[in-house]
Amino acid sequence: MIDMFKKLIKSDFTRLFALGFAGGTALVFATISGEPASSMANGIAPAAVAASAE
């Protein structure tokens, strides 16, 4: 079982998948951690404003 796991880790697909996943995760965290979520959302859509009551 351990030998099969070692062979799986050594395969190029698994290695590249792990590197891509780690790189993508780092990119997402670097992008999100730069700004608070509220200011990031305001850049995408304007803030909601309630209509006046009649």
Protein backbone atom coordinates (compact mmCIF):
# COMPACT_ATOMS: atom_id res chain seq x y z
CA MET A 1 0.00 0.00 0.00
CA ILE A 2 2.81 2.42 0.88
CA ASP A 3 4.65 1.58 -2.35
CA MET A 4 1.52 2.38 -4.34
CA PHE A 5 1.25 5.74 -2.55
CA LYS A 6 4.89 6.53 -3.32
CA LYS A 7 4.34 5.73 -7.00
CA LEU A 8 1.26 7.96 -7.02
CA ILE A 9 3.21 10.87 -5.54
CA LYS A 10 6.02 10.40 -8.06
CA SER A 11 3.70 10.69 -11.06
CA ASP A 12 3.92 13.95 -12.99
CA PHE A 13 0.16 14.51 -13.05
CA THR A 14 -0.19 14.31 -9.28
CA ARG A 15 2.83 16.52 -8.69
CA LEU A 16 1.65 19.18 -11.16
CA PHE A 17 -1.89 19.02 -9.78
CA ALA A 18 -0.60 19.59 -6.25
CA LEU A 19 1.64 22.47 -7.36
CA GLY A 20 -1.22 24.07 -9.31
CA PHE A 21 -3.61 23.69 -6.41
CA ALA A 22 -1.11 25.21 -3.97
CA GLY A 23 -0.29 28.05 -6.37
CA GLY A 24 -3.96 28.80 -7.01
CA THR A 25 -4.72 28.79 -3.31
CA ALA A 26 -1.85 31.18 -2.63
CA LEU A 27 -3.07 33.47 -5.43
CA VAL A 28 -6.62 33.53 -4.06
CA PHE A 29 -5.46 34.30 -0.53
CA ALA A 30 -3.07 37.00 -1.76
CA THR A 31 -5.87 38.63 -3.74
CA ILE A 32 -8.47 38.50 -1.00
CA SER A 33 -6.24 39.41 1.94
CA GLY A 34 -5.20 42.69 0.29
CA GLU A 35 -8.61 44.35 0.77
CA PRO A 36 -11.52 43.87 3.12
CA ALA A 37 -14.41 42.01 1.54
CA SER A 38 -16.79 44.97 1.78
CA SER A 39 -14.61 47.30 -0.31
CA MET A 40 -14.02 44.54 -2.82
CA ALA A 41 -17.78 44.01 -3.16
CA ASN A 42 -18.41 47.75 -3.60
CA GLY A 43 -16.12 47.71 -6.61
CA ILE A 44 -18.25 45.01 -8.24
CA ALA A 45 -21.77 46.23 -7.44
CA PRO A 46 -23.03 49.47 -5.93
CA ALA A 47 -24.33 49.50 -2.37
CA ALA A 48 -28.03 48.77 -1.99
CA VAL A 49 -30.24 51.70 -1.08
CA ALA A 50 -33.77 51.26 0.24
CA ALA A 51 -36.61 53.11 -1.45
CA SER A 52 -38.40 55.74 0.57
CA ALA A 53 -41.58 54.63 2.32
CA GLU A 54 -44.84 56.08 1.01
